[in-house]
């Protein structure tokens, strides 16, 4: 009898210890972005973007980074919440280096929505008012600020792309033909940028049938920043130029360059450029 009572007690103890206390989930609703866009002024150029993620903060606390096509879960605990949303991009076009894009201002929403509801709304960003647009070129006006480099001026085939090949309005095509080995174009003037700052970036729309190099020119020395992967269709990339700008040899003002090399695999390499923006804080 004692053995039976002991056995029953042990079984009850096991059942009690193995049961987990039910904790209800915090109340939440969801935001479904219908479209993600960038609104610009004439002085800021194109609103073309490559926002890949939305960085979500609830009442000042980071909740997560969500792909732009995903629902945004807003934990409210049935209370009014302050929502901050930052744009997220791929630094240098690399998936493993995603960052919040400080040059777009955050989007703020104060709201109270019934738990379990899903609301649809557009997400529109604007440039941070502190953004400095040091160089902009969209090839729509005369007096173009992109020129052939002195490095290999005769090798570079620089022309306007056809309407079918262009992105927005006019775009340029840079390529190599014949025995030419190197095509390089650069900004027509040198620019003085913040020394030591990491917030120096180049925005471009591009497509190319081969990888091409982007960087800074200090005197006659190229300082590469990134190798841009080929893309059969028009793409957008945000390139960090700060490291190249601050690398030796240093100078107070430097140019931006784009360089294309002929390879044995591609007898007719081409790159197309549009909407160049050199920006910084």
Foldseek 3Di string as FASTA:
>chain_A
DVVVVVVVVVVVVVVVVPDDDDDDDFFKEKEAAPEEWEDEDPVQDDGDDAFQWKFKDKQNHTDGIGGNRDIDIHRASQHKIKIKIFTWDAEQNDPVRIDGDQQWDIDIDIDGDGGPYYHYDHHYIYGDPPKDFFDKAFPPDPDGFKAWDPPCRVQWDKDWDDPVQDDPDIKIKIKGADPRFKTKIKGNDWDADDAPDQFKKKKKKKAWPAWKWKAKQDPNDGQTQHTHGHDPHIDMHIYGHRVRQNDPPHDRIIMMMIMDGDDPVDNMIMMMIGTITTMGD
